[in-house]
Protein backbone atom coordinates (compact mmCIF):
# COMPACT_ATOMS: atom_id res chain seq x y z
CA MET A 1 9.69 11.04 5.37
CA LEU A 2 11.13 8.19 4.42
CA GLU A 3 13.83 7.84 6.61
CA LEU A 4 10.63 7.26 9.15
CA VAL A 5 10.14 4.19 7.47
CA ASP A 6 11.44 0.77 9.39
CA LEU A 7 13.00 -1.72 6.81
CA GLY A 8 13.68 -4.67 8.99
CA LYS A 9 9.53 -4.70 9.02
CA ARG A 10 8.22 -8.52 8.58
CA ILE A 11 5.23 -9.93 8.50
CA ASP A 12 4.31 -14.06 7.90
CA LYS A 13 3.57 -15.47 5.27
CA GLU A 14 0.46 -16.60 6.49
CA VAL A 15 -0.21 -13.10 7.35
CA TYR A 16 0.45 -11.51 4.43
CA GLN A 17 -2.11 -13.96 2.56
CA ARG A 18 -4.69 -13.50 4.58
CA THR A 19 -4.35 -9.67 4.69
CA ASP A 20 -2.98 -9.18 1.09
CA PRO A 21 -6.54 -9.11 -1.15
CA GLU A 22 -8.24 -6.81 1.28
CA LEU A 23 -4.78 -4.62 1.15
CA GLN A 24 -4.54 -4.89 -2.43
CA LEU A 25 -8.51 -3.77 -2.92
CA ARG A 26 -7.84 -0.65 -0.67
CA LEU A 27 -5.10 0.60 -2.12
CA ALA A 28 -6.60 0.60 -5.64
CA ALA A 29 -9.43 2.92 -4.36
CA CYS A 30 -7.00 4.86 -3.07
CA GLN A 31 -4.91 5.57 -6.39
CA ARG A 32 -8.36 5.99 -8.13
CA ALA A 33 -9.57 8.63 -5.66
CA ALA A 34 -5.77 10.71 -6.16
CA ARG A 35 -6.51 10.22 -10.01
CA ALA A 36 -9.99 11.45 -9.74
CA ALA A 37 -8.89 14.31 -7.23
CA GLU A 38 -5.62 14.65 -10.42
CA ILE A 39 -3.29 13.73 -7.13
CA PRO A 40 -0.07 12.86 -8.66
CA LEU A 41 0.63 9.84 -7.19
CA LEU A 42 3.81 7.07 -7.42
CA VAL A 43 2.90 3.56 -5.88
CA VAL A 44 6.71 1.43 -4.98
CA PHE A 45 6.56 -1.84 -3.74
């Protein structure tokens, strides 16, 4: 699966700063849902 990840992708700093807060909230919600369902999860940045 990881061989499909494009490690060369980049986004502008402005786009990152604009979208990061919402994405952080969505990621946190997904992590809580996985924990509630007792699904092991490892998030790597």
